[in-house]
PDB file of all heavy atoms in Angstrom:
ATOM      1  N   GLU A   1      74.999  69.187 110.608  1.00  0.00           N
ATOM      2  CA  GLU A   1      76.309  69.334 109.975  1.00  0.00           C
ATOM      3  C   GLU A   1      77.337  69.995 110.889  1.00  0.00           C
ATOM      4  O   GLU A   1      78.452  69.500 111.041  1.00  0.00           O
ATOM      5  CB  GLU A   1      76.188  70.130 108.676  1.00  0.00           C
ATOM      6  CG  GLU A   1      77.507  70.267 107.957  1.00  0.00           C
ATOM      7  CD  GLU A   1      77.384  70.992 106.634  1.00  0.00           C
ATOM      8  OE1 GLU A   1      76.277  71.423 106.257  1.00  0.00           O
ATOM      9  OE2 GLU A   1      78.422  71.109 105.961  1.00  0.00           O
ATOM     10  N   ALA A   2      76.988  71.102 111.524  1.00  0.00           N
ATOM     11  CA  ALA A   2      77.946  71.811 112.388  1.00  0.00           C
ATOM     12  C   ALA A   2      78.389  70.927 113.555  1.00  0.00           C
ATOM     13  O   ALA A   2      79.564  70.918 113.924  1.00  0.00           O
ATOM     14  CB  ALA A   2      77.332  73.105 112.907  1.00  0.00           C
ATOM     15  N   TYR A   3      77.443  70.175 114.111  1.00  0.00           N
ATOM     16  CA  TYR A   3      77.782  69.282 115.226  1.00  0.00           C
ATOM     17  C   TYR A   3      78.818  68.243 114.791  1.00  0.00           C
ATOM     18  O   TYR A   3      79.825  68.036 115.465  1.00  0.00           O
ATOM     19  CB  TYR A   3      76.521  68.590 115.752  1.00  0.00           C
ATOM     20  CG  TYR A   3      76.818  67.511 116.760  1.00  0.00           C
ATOM     21  CD1 TYR A   3      77.096  67.834 118.076  1.00  0.00           C
ATOM     22  CD2 TYR A   3      76.844  66.168 116.392  1.00  0.00           C
ATOM     23  CE1 TYR A   3      77.378  66.850 119.010  1.00  0.00           C
ATOM     24  CE2 TYR A   3      77.130  65.186 117.308  1.00  0.00           C
ATOM     25  CZ  TYR A   3      77.398  65.524 118.612  1.00  0.00           C
ATOM     26  OH  TYR A   3      77.688  64.544 119.532  1.00  0.00           O
ATOM     27  N   TRP A   4      78.561  67.580 113.666  1.00  0.00           N
ATOM     28  CA  TRP A   4      79.466  66.514 113.233  1.00  0.00           C
ATOM     29  C   TRP A   4      80.793  67.049 112.721  1.00  0.00           C
ATOM     30  O   TRP A   4      81.801  66.351 112.789  1.00  0.00           O
ATOM     31  CB  TRP A   4      78.791  65.611 112.201  1.00  0.00           C
ATOM     32  CG  TRP A   4      77.837  64.684 112.874  1.00  0.00           C
ATOM     33  CD1 TRP A   4      76.480  64.693 112.808  1.00  0.00           C
ATOM     34  CD2 TRP A   4      78.173  63.628 113.782  1.00  0.00           C
ATOM     35  NE1 TRP A   4      75.963  63.717 113.606  1.00  0.00           N
ATOM     36  CE2 TRP A   4      76.973  63.035 114.215  1.00  0.00           C
ATOM     37  CE3 TRP A   4      79.366  63.116 114.276  1.00  0.00           C
ATOM     38  CZ2 TRP A   4      76.934  61.971 115.109  1.00  0.00           C
ATOM     39  CZ3 TRP A   4      79.334  62.054 115.164  1.00  0.00           C
ATOM     40  CH2 TRP A   4      78.128  61.498 115.568  1.00  0.00           C
ATOM     41  N   ARG A   5      80.842  68.265 112.244  1.00  0.00           N
ATOM     42  CA  ARG A   5      82.131  68.846 111.837  1.00  0.00           C
ATOM     43  C   ARG A   5      82.998  69.143 113.058  1.00  0.00           C
ATOM     44  O   ARG A   5      84.223  69.145 112.961  1.00  0.00           O
ATOM     45  CB  ARG A   5      81.921  70.108 111.020  1.00  0.00           C
ATOM     46  CG  ARG A   5      81.432  69.807 109.619  1.00  0.00           C
ATOM     47  CD  ARG A   5      81.685  70.944 108.668  1.00  0.00           C
ATOM     48  NE  ARG A   5      81.160  70.641 107.343  1.00  0.00           N
ATOM     49  CZ  ARG A   5      81.821  69.972 106.416  1.00  0.00           C
ATOM     50  NH1 ARG A   5      83.027  69.545 106.645  1.00  0.00           N
ATOM     51  NH2 ARG A   5      81.275  69.733 105.241  1.00  0.00           N
ATOM     52  N   ALA A   6      82.383  69.374 114.219  1.00  0.00           N
ATOM     53  CA  ALA A   6      83.131  69.675 115.442  1.00  0.00           C
ATOM     54  C   ALA A   6      83.595  68.412 116.165  1.00  0.00           C
ATOM     55  O   ALA A   6      84.470  68.483 117.028  1.00  0.00           O
ATOM     56  CB  ALA A   6      82.274  70.520 116.385  1.00  0.00           C
ATOM     57  N   GLN A   7      83.034  67.260 115.822  1.00  0.00           N
ATOM     58  CA  GLN A   7      83.395  66.014 116.501  1.00  0.00           C
ATOM     59  C   GLN A   7      84.698  65.446 115.940  1.00  0.00           C
ATOM     60  O   GLN A   7      85.067  65.725 114.807  1.00  0.00           O
ATOM     61  CB  GLN A   7      82.269  64.981 116.332  1.00  0.00           C
ATOM     62  CG  GLN A   7      80.953  65.407 116.939  1.00  0.00           C
ATOM     63  CD  GLN A   7      81.084  65.751 118.396  1.00  0.00           C
ATOM     64  OE1 GLN A   7      81.630  64.994 119.191  1.00  0.00           O
ATOM     65  NE2 GLN A   7      80.621  66.934 118.769  1.00  0.00           N
ATOM     66  N   PRO A   8      85.379  64.607 116.731  1.00  0.00           N
ATOM     67  CA  PRO A   8      86.597  63.961 116.205  1.00  0.00           C
ATOM     68  C   PRO A   8      86.263  63.074 114.999  1.00  0.00           C
ATOM     69  O   PRO A   8      85.150  62.556 114.892  1.00  0.00           O
ATOM     70  CB  PRO A   8      87.087  63.109 117.388  1.00  0.00           C
ATOM     71  CG  PRO A   8      86.401  63.647 118.587  1.00  0.00           C
ATOM     72  CD  PRO A   8      85.125  64.273 118.122  1.00  0.00           C
ATOM     73  N   LEU A   9      87.235  62.913 114.129  1.00  0.00           N
ATOM     74  CA  LEU A   9      87.026  62.118 112.918  1.00  0.00           C
ATOM     75  C   LEU A   9      86.645  60.681 113.258  1.00  0.00           C
ATOM     76  O   LEU A   9      85.806  60.082 112.582  1.00  0.00           O
ATOM     77  CB  LEU A   9      88.289  62.149 112.047  1.00  0.00           C
ATOM     78  CG  LEU A   9      88.196  61.455 110.705  1.00  0.00           C
ATOM     79  CD1 LEU A   9      87.101  62.078 109.840  1.00  0.00           C
ATOM     80  CD2 LEU A   9      89.518  61.504 109.984  1.00  0.00           C
ATOM     81  N   ALA A  10      87.214  60.135 114.314  1.00  0.00           N
ATOM     82  CA  ALA A  10      86.896  58.757 114.710  1.00  0.00           C
ATOM     83  C   ALA A  10      85.422  58.631 115.093  1.00  0.00           C
ATOM     84  O   ALA A  10      84.767  57.635 114.758  1.00  0.00           O
ATOM     85  CB  ALA A  10      87.788  58.319 115.866  1.00  0.00           C
ATOM     86  N   ALA A  11      84.873  59.631 115.789  1.00  0.00           N
ATOM     87  CA  ALA A  11      83.464  59.593 116.179  1.00  0.00           C
ATOM     88  C   ALA A  11      82.562  59.690 114.952  1.00  0.00           C
ATOM     89  O   ALA A  11      81.556  58.985 114.846  1.00  0.00           O
ATOM     90  CB  ALA A  11      83.158  60.723 117.159  1.00  0.00           C
ATOM     91  N   LEU A  12      82.915  60.566 114.017  1.00  0.00           N
ATOM     92  CA  LEU A  12      82.142  60.714 112.786  1.00  0.00           C
ATOM     93  C   LEU A  12      82.149  59.407 112.002  1.00  0.00           C
ATOM     94  O   LEU A  12      81.104  58.937 111.548  1.00  0.00           O
ATOM     95  CB  LEU A  12      82.708  61.845 111.936  1.00  0.00           C
ATOM     96  CG  LEU A  12      82.096  62.023 110.551  1.00  0.00           C
ATOM     97  CD1 LEU A  12      80.625  62.393 110.640  1.00  0.00           C
ATOM     98  CD2 LEU A  12      82.856  63.078 109.764  1.00  0.00           C
ATOM     99  N   THR A  13      83.304  58.806 111.868  1.00  0.00           N
ATOM    100  CA  THR A  13      83.426  57.548 111.124  1.00  0.00           C
ATOM    101  C   THR A  13      82.611  56.446 111.787  1.00  0.00           C
ATOM    102  O   THR A  13      81.912  55.684 111.110  1.00  0.00           O
ATOM    103  CB  THR A  13      84.904  57.132 111.018  1.00  0.00           C
ATOM    104  OG1 THR A  13      85.639  58.212 110.438  1.00  0.00           O
ATOM    105  CG2 THR A  13      85.075  55.905 110.157  1.00  0.00           C
ATOM    106  N   ALA A  14      82.687  56.360 113.112  1.00  0.00           N
ATOM    107  CA  ALA A  14      81.928  55.333 113.839  1.00  0.00           C
ATOM    108  C   ALA A  14      80.426  55.539 113.647  1.00  0.00           C
ATOM    109  O   ALA A  14      79.677  54.570 113.455  1.00  0.00           O
ATOM    110  CB  ALA A  14      82.292  55.360 115.318  1.00  0.00           C
ATOM    111  N   TYR A  15      79.979  56.787 113.693  1.00  0.00           N
ATOM    112  CA  TYR A  15      78.549  57.069 113.496  1.00  0.00           C
ATOM    113  C   TYR A  15      78.118  56.689 112.078  1.00  0.00           C
ATOM    114  O   TYR A  15      77.077  56.066 111.885  1.00  0.00           O
ATOM    115  CB  TYR A  15      78.248  58.541 113.762  1.00  0.00           C
ATOM    116  CG  TYR A  15      76.839  58.924 113.399  1.00  0.00           C
ATOM    117  CD1 TYR A  15      75.772  58.555 114.203  1.00  0.00           C
ATOM    118  CD2 TYR A  15      76.567  59.629 112.224  1.00  0.00           C
ATOM    119  CE1 TYR A  15      74.468  58.889 113.855  1.00  0.00           C
ATOM    120  CE2 TYR A  15      75.274  59.958 111.872  1.00  0.00           C
ATOM    121  CZ  TYR A  15      74.225  59.590 112.694  1.00  0.00           C
ATOM    122  OH  TYR A  15      72.943  59.905 112.346  1.00  0.00           O
ATOM    123  N   LEU A  16      78.906  57.081 111.096  1.00  0.00           N
ATOM    124  CA  LEU A  16      78.529  56.817 109.711  1.00  0.00           C
ATOM    125  C   LEU A  16      78.542  55.327 109.389  1.00  0.00           C
ATOM    126  O   LEU A  16      77.822  54.881 108.487  1.00  0.00           O
ATOM    127  CB  LEU A  16      79.440  57.577 108.750  1.00  0.00           C
ATOM    128  CG  LEU A  16      79.285  59.101 108.794  1.00  0.00           C
ATOM    129  CD1 LEU A  16      80.290  59.755 107.858  1.00  0.00           C
ATOM    130  CD2 LEU A  16      77.873  59.530 108.465  1.00  0.00           C
ATOM    131  N   ASP A  17      79.346  54.555 110.116  1.00  0.00           N
ATOM    132  CA  ASP A  17      79.378  53.110 109.893  1.00  0.00           C
ATOM    133  C   ASP A  17      78.045  52.451 110.258  1.00  0.00           C
ATOM    134  O   ASP A  17      77.668  51.452 109.670  1.00  0.00           O
ATOM    135  CB  ASP A  17      80.506  52.462 110.689  1.00  0.00           C
ATOM    136  CG  ASP A  17      81.875  52.750 110.083  1.00  0.00           C
ATOM    137  OD1 ASP A  17      81.938  53.182 108.904  1.00  0.00           O
ATOM    138  OD2 ASP A  17      82.889  52.547 110.792  1.00  0.00           O
ATOM    139  N   VAL A  18      77.337  53.011 111.246  1.00  0.00           N
ATOM    140  CA  VAL A  18      76.077  52.402 111.692  1.00  0.00           C
ATOM    141  C   VAL A  18      74.842  53.177 111.259  1.00  0.00           C
ATOM    142  O   VAL A  18      73.730  52.680 111.354  1.00  0.00           O
ATOM    143  CB  VAL A  18      76.058  52.219 113.229  1.00  0.00           C
ATOM    144  CG1 VAL A  18      77.144  51.258 113.670  1.00  0.00           C
ATOM    145  CG2 VAL A  18      76.185  53.543 113.946  1.00  0.00           C
ATOM    146  N   ALA A  19      75.002  54.414 110.792  1.00  0.00           N
ATOM    147  CA  ALA A  19      73.855  55.239 110.389  1.00  0.00           C
ATOM    148  C   ALA A  19      73.236  54.691 109.116  1.00  0.00           C
ATOM    149  O   ALA A  19      73.940  54.286 108.196  1.00  0.00           O
ATOM    150  CB  ALA A  19      74.291  56.686 110.184  1.00  0.00           C
ATOM    151  N   GLN A  20      71.921  54.665 109.097  1.00  0.00           N
ATOM    152  CA  GLN A  20      71.191  54.198 107.921  1.00  0.00           C
ATOM    153  C   GLN A  20      70.770  55.392 107.074  1.00  0.00           C
ATOM    154  O   GLN A  20      70.226  56.357 107.609  1.00  0.00           O
ATOM    155  CB  GLN A  20      69.937  53.425 108.352  1.00  0.00           C
ATOM    156  CG  GLN A  20      70.241  52.168 109.136  1.00  0.00           C
ATOM    157  CD  GLN A  20      70.940  51.129 108.291  1.00  0.00           C
ATOM    158  OE1 GLN A  20      70.585  50.938 107.133  1.00  0.00           O
ATOM    159  NE2 GLN A  20      71.924  50.469 108.845  1.00  0.00           N
ATOM    160  N   PRO A  21      71.012  55.360 105.775  1.00  0.00           N
ATOM    161  CA  PRO A  21      70.551  56.461 104.924  1.00  0.00           C
ATOM    162  C   PRO A  21      69.024  56.556 104.963  1.00  0.00           C
ATOM    163  O   PRO A  21      68.339  55.542 105.003  1.00  0.00           O
ATOM    164  CB  PRO A  21      71.017  56.071 103.527  1.00  0.00           C
ATOM    165  CG  PRO A  21      72.093  55.071 103.745  1.00  0.00           C
ATOM    166  CD  PRO A  21      71.764  54.372 105.030  1.00  0.00           C
ATOM    167  N   ILE A  22      68.510  57.772 104.977  1.00  0.00           N
ATOM    168  CA  ILE A  22      67.071  57.995 104.979  1.00  0.00           C
ATOM    169  C   ILE A  22      66.673  58.335 103.548  1.00  0.00           C
ATOM    170  O   ILE A  22      66.927  59.440 103.065  1.00  0.00           O
ATOM    171  CB  ILE A  22      66.701  59.129 105.952  1.00  0.00           C
ATOM    172  CG1 ILE A  22      67.195  58.782 107.363  1.00  0.00           C
ATOM    173  CG2 ILE A  22      65.196  59.371 105.953  1.00  0.00           C
ATOM    174  CD1 ILE A  22      67.068  59.910 108.347  1.00  0.00           C
ATOM    175  N   ALA A  23      66.062  57.364 102.888  1.00  0.00           N
ATOM    176  CA  ALA A  23      65.750  57.515 101.463  1.00  0.00           C
ATOM    177  C   ALA A  23      64.798  58.672 101.209  1.00  0.00           C
ATOM    178  O   ALA A  23      64.882  59.333 100.182  1.00  0.00           O
ATOM    179  CB  ALA A  23      65.149  56.220 100.926  1.00  0.00           C
ATOM    180  N   ALA A  24      63.903  58.942 102.146  1.00  0.00           N
ATOM    181  CA  ALA A  24      62.923  60.016 101.958  1.00  0.00           C
ATOM    182  C   ALA A  24      63.583  61.382 101.878  1.00  0.00           C
ATOM    183  O   ALA A  24      63.007  62.320 101.343  1.00  0.00           O
ATOM    184  CB  ALA A  24      61.905  59.996 103.086  1.00  0.00           C
ATOM    185  N   LEU A  25      64.803  61.504 102.393  1.00  0.00           N
ATOM    186  CA  LEU A  25      65.472  62.793 102.389  1.00  0.00           C
ATOM    187  C   LEU A  25      66.323  63.029 101.143  1.00  0.00           C
ATOM    188  O   LEU A  25      66.876  64.101 100.965  1.00  0.00           O
ATOM    189  CB  LEU A  25      66.351  62.927 103.634  1.00  0.00           C
ATOM    190  CG  LEU A  25      65.612  62.855 104.962  1.00  0.00           C
ATOM    191  CD1 LEU A  25      66.588  62.916 106.111  1.00  0.00           C
ATOM    192  CD2 LEU A  25      64.590  63.963 105.070  1.00  0.00           C
ATOM    193  N   THR A  26      66.433  62.025 100.291  1.00  0.00           N
ATOM    194  CA  THR A  26      67.287  62.167  99.113  1.00  0.00           C
ATOM    195  C   THR A  26      66.534  62.636  97.873  1.00  0.00           C
ATOM    196  O   THR A  26      67.144  62.918  96.861  1.00  0.00           O
ATOM    197  CB  THR A  26      67.994  60.835  98.790  1.00  0.00           C
ATOM    198  OG1 THR A  26      67.002  59.845  98.536  1.00  0.00           O
ATOM    199  CG2 THR A  26      68.885  60.403  99.930  1.00  0.00           C
ATOM    200  N   GLY A  27      65.220  62.698  97.934  1.00  0.00           N
ATOM    201  CA  GLY A  27      64.452  63.151  96.773  1.00  0.00           C
ATOM    202  C   GLY A  27      63.026  63.444  97.174  1.00  0.00           C
ATOM    203  O   GLY A  27      62.679  63.450  98.345  1.00  0.00           O
ATOM    204  N   THR A  28      62.200  63.683  96.162  1.00  0.00           N
ATOM    205  CA  THR A  28      60.795  63.947  96.431  1.00  0.00           C
ATOM    206  C   THR A  28      59.983  62.692  96.156  1.00  0.00           C
ATOM    207  O   THR A  28      60.385  61.832  95.367  1.00  0.00           O
ATOM    208  CB  THR A  28      60.279  65.101  95.551  1.00  0.00           C
ATOM    209  OG1 THR A  28      60.387  64.713  94.182  1.00  0.00           O
ATOM    210  CG2 THR A  28      61.057  66.374  95.786  1.00  0.00           C
ATOM    211  N   GLN A  29      58.823  62.604  96.770  1.00  0.00           N
ATOM    212  CA  GLN A  29      57.970  61.442  96.565  1.00  0.00           C
ATOM    213  C   GLN A  29      57.365  61.434  95.170  1.00  0.00           C
ATOM    214  O   GLN A  29      57.039  60.384  94.633  1.00  0.00           O
ATOM    215  CB  GLN A  29      56.856  61.417  97.613  1.00  0.00           C
ATOM    216  CG  GLN A  29      57.361  61.160  99.007  1.00  0.00           C
ATOM    217  CD  GLN A  29      56.236  61.183 100.027  1.00  0.00           C
ATOM    218  OE1 GLN A  29      55.141  61.627  99.755  1.00  0.00           O
ATOM    219  NE2 GLN A  29      56.532  60.689 101.209  1.00  0.00           N
TER     220      GLN A  29
END
């Protein structure tokens, strides 16, 4: 979180456009 808050908004947006959500991190098995 701290890393991405320090990056330019364009870089964050570009990363989020290609990043895949990790379903295992959104809940418990």
